[in-house]
Amino acid sequence: MNTFTQIHVAISLAGILSGFVVTFGLITGRRLDRWTAFFLLTTVATSVTGFLFPFHGFTPAIVVGIISLVVLVAAIFARYARRLAGAWRLIYVITAMIALYLNVFVLIVQLFQKVPAFKALAPTQSEPPFVVTHLIVLTLFLVLAIIASRRFRIMPVTTATAAG
């Protein structure tokens, strides 16, 4: 692995781990401002650095990266510009969960492409182990998003609390 790939992977894993901390905060009704900022920053950095790899043509990875950035723009706008007011709270929860899911989705794809034991189970990524893994993860994220959207009912961010 070259240095750039290692940095990209480290940023991606930091985004995923911090995303799970943020998800825990959403489910428990806490904003976790610093974790949220770190999650959004690392997840944007993951998508942006993904575009810097050499590629040929319009690949599925590029599509996921574009979708991720669009979702992240909405999450950042809802969280910081609209301060979670009104419907923006729900928009933030949903877009944050989608952004995290997309990172985990790419992680699973990479695991099945790069780890020999996983690659042997699904060499073309259309075999049942790959499909079932994605269905389980998607279901888990849908459940987490529903729970988070119901439980994250805190007051909007104000300028006095935004610094925390």
Protein backbone atom coordinates (compact mmCIF):
# COMPACT_ATOMS: atom_id res chain seq x y z
CA MET A 1 0.00 0.00 0.00
CA ASN A 2 1.37 3.39 -0.84
CA THR A 3 1.34 6.31 1.59
CA PHE A 4 -1.62 8.06 -0.02
CA THR A 5 -3.75 4.91 0.19
CA GLN A 6 -2.79 4.44 3.84
CA ILE A 7 -3.77 8.03 4.63
CA HIS A 8 -7.07 7.61 2.77
CA VAL A 9 -7.83 4.38 4.66
CA ALA A 10 -6.93 6.01 8.01
CA ILE A 11 -9.22 8.96 7.28
CA SER A 12 -12.00 6.59 6.21
CA LEU A 13 -11.72 4.49 9.36
CA ALA A 14 -11.65 7.64 11.52
CA GLY A 15 -14.83 8.79 9.74
CA ILE A 16 -16.53 5.44 10.32
CA LEU A 17 -15.54 5.21 13.98
CA SER A 18 -16.51 8.81 14.73
CA GLY A 19 -19.72 8.25 12.77
CA PHE A 20 -20.69 5.46 15.13
CA VAL A 21 -19.98 7.75 18.11
CA VAL A 22 -22.21 10.41 16.52
CA THR A 23 -24.88 7.76 15.87
CA PHE A 24 -24.76 6.82 19.56
CA GLY A 25 -25.22 10.50 20.37
CA LEU A 26 -28.21 10.75 18.05
CA ILE A 27 -29.80 7.68 19.57
CA THR A 28 -29.26 9.00 23.10
CA GLY A 29 -30.44 12.51 22.19
CA ARG A 30 -27.04 14.19 22.54
CA ARG A 31 -25.49 16.45 19.95
CA LEU A 32 -21.78 15.64 20.59
CA ASP A 33 -20.61 18.78 18.77
CA ARG A 34 -16.89 17.98 18.54
CA TRP A 35 -17.47 14.37 17.48
CA THR A 36 -19.96 15.60 14.88
CA ALA A 37 -17.49 18.10 13.44
CA PHE A 38 -14.78 15.42 13.31
CA PHE A 39 -17.15 12.92 11.67
CA LEU A 40 -18.29 15.39 9.02
CA LEU A 41 -14.73 16.58 8.33
CA THR A 42 -13.25 13.09 8.00
CA THR A 43 -16.16 11.86 5.91
CA VAL A 44 -15.81 14.79 3.51
CA ALA A 45 -12.05 14.15 3.41
CA THR A 46 -12.68 10.47 2.64
CA SER A 47 -14.85 11.34 -0.34
CA VAL A 48 -12.53 14.06 -1.62
CA THR A 49 -9.38 11.93 -1.34
CA GLY A 50 -11.22 9.08 -3.07
CA PHE A 51 -11.40 11.23 -6.20
CA LEU A 52 -7.61 11.58 -6.21
CA PHE A 53 -6.97 7.92 -7.00
CA PRO A 54 -6.20 7.11 -10.64
CA PHE A 55 -9.31 5.86 -12.38
CA HIS A 56 -10.49 5.16 -15.89
CA GLY A 57 -13.97 6.26 -16.83
CA PHE A 58 -17.02 6.83 -14.67
CA THR A 59 -16.84 4.09 -12.03
CA PRO A 60 -19.26 3.03 -9.25
CA ALA A 61 -16.75 4.46 -6.75
CA ILE A 62 -17.12 7.89 -8.36
CA VAL A 63 -20.90 7.63 -8.16
CA VAL A 64 -20.74 6.75 -4.45
CA GLY A 65 -18.30 9.62 -3.87
CA ILE A 66 -20.58 12.14 -5.58
CA ILE A 67 -23.64 10.91 -3.68
CA SER A 68 -21.68 11.05 -0.43
CA LEU A 69 -20.59 14.65 -1.02
CA VAL A 70 -24.14 15.76 -1.90
CA VAL A 71 -25.47 14.10 1.25
CA LEU A 72 -22.68 15.64 3.33
CA VAL A 73 -23.43 19.13 2.00
CA ALA A 74 -27.03 18.67 3.13
CA ALA A 75 -25.92 17.36 6.55
CA ILE A 76 -23.49 20.23 7.07
CA PHE A 77 -26.07 22.79 5.93
CA ALA A 78 -28.74 21.33 8.25
CA ARG A 79 -26.37 21.15 11.21
CA TYR A 80 -24.47 24.42 10.93
CA ALA A 81 -26.41 26.82 8.68
CA ARG A 82 -29.92 25.84 9.75
CA ARG A 83 -28.85 24.86 13.31
CA LEU A 84 -31.11 21.79 13.43
CA ALA A 85 -34.20 24.00 13.50
CA GLY A 86 -37.53 22.44 12.55
CA ALA A 87 -37.34 19.88 9.76
CA TRP A 88 -33.58 20.42 9.49
CA ARG A 89 -33.08 18.21 12.54
CA LEU A 90 -34.58 15.24 10.70
CA ILE A 91 -32.72 16.13 7.50
CA TYR A 92 -29.47 16.19 9.47
CA VAL A 93 -30.12 12.81 11.12
CA ILE A 94 -31.02 11.14 7.83
CA THR A 95 -28.15 12.63 5.83
CA ALA A 96 -25.60 11.89 8.57
CA MET A 97 -26.79 8.28 8.68
CA ILE A 98 -26.64 7.99 4.88
CA ALA A 99 -23.09 9.40 4.85
CA LEU A 100 -21.99 6.88 7.47
CA TYR A 101 -23.73 4.04 5.63
CA LEU A 102 -21.96 4.95 2.38
CA ASN A 103 -18.59 4.84 4.17
CA VAL A 104 -19.41 1.43 5.64
CA PHE A 105 -20.70 0.26 2.23
CA VAL A 106 -17.35 1.16 0.65
CA LEU A 107 -15.51 -0.55 3.52
CA ILE A 108 -17.42 -3.77 2.85
CA VAL A 109 -16.74 -3.55 -0.89
CA GLN A 110 -13.04 -3.03 -0.19
CA LEU A 111 -12.93 -5.92 2.29
CA PHE A 112 -14.47 -8.27 -0.29
CA GLN A 113 -12.02 -7.01 -2.94
CA LYS A 114 -8.81 -6.94 -0.92
CA VAL A 115 -9.00 -9.52 1.91
CA PRO A 116 -8.31 -12.99 0.50
CA ALA A 117 -10.75 -14.82 2.79
CA PHE A 118 -13.61 -12.50 1.80
CA LYS A 119 -12.60 -12.48 -1.86
CA ALA A 120 -12.74 -16.29 -1.87
CA LEU A 121 -16.31 -16.14 -0.56
CA ALA A 122 -17.46 -13.67 -3.23
CA PRO A 123 -14.93 -13.26 -6.04
CA THR A 124 -17.30 -11.28 -8.28
CA GLN A 125 -19.17 -9.54 -5.44
CA SER A 126 -22.47 -10.92 -6.67
CA GLU A 127 -22.38 -14.10 -4.58
CA PRO A 128 -24.69 -14.62 -1.56
CA PRO A 129 -22.11 -13.81 1.17
CA PHE A 130 -21.56 -10.35 -0.31
CA VAL A 131 -25.25 -9.67 -0.97
CA VAL A 132 -26.34 -10.94 2.47
CA THR A 133 -23.66 -8.84 4.18
CA HIS A 134 -24.92 -5.72 2.44
CA LEU A 135 -28.55 -6.52 3.23
CA ILE A 136 -27.73 -6.99 6.91
CA VAL A 137 -25.75 -3.74 7.06
CA LEU A 138 -28.45 -1.83 5.16
CA THR A 139 -31.13 -3.18 7.52
CA LEU A 140 -29.03 -2.24 10.55
CA PHE A 141 -28.59 1.30 9.24
CA LEU A 142 -32.29 1.67 8.47
CA VAL A 143 -33.15 0.61 12.03
CA LEU A 144 -30.51 2.95 13.49
CA ALA A 145 -31.76 5.85 11.34
CA ILE A 146 -35.36 5.30 12.46
CA ILE A 147 -34.35 5.13 16.12
CA ALA A 148 -32.08 8.17 15.80
CA SER A 149 -34.74 10.23 14.02
CA ARG A 150 -37.21 9.51 16.82
CA ARG A 151 -34.82 10.08 19.72
CA PHE A 152 -32.75 13.04 18.53
CA ARG A 153 -35.19 15.70 19.69
CA ILE A 154 -32.88 18.24 21.26
CA MET A 155 -33.09 22.00 21.04
CA PRO A 156 -31.58 23.65 17.95
CA VAL A 157 -28.00 24.88 18.11
CA THR A 158 -27.74 28.47 19.24
CA THR A 159 -24.72 30.71 19.05
CA ALA A 160 -24.23 30.32 22.81
CA THR A 161 -24.13 26.49 22.60
CA ALA A 162 -22.47 26.18 19.20
CA ALA A 163 -18.97 26.56 20.65
CA GLY A 164 -19.29 23.46 22.91
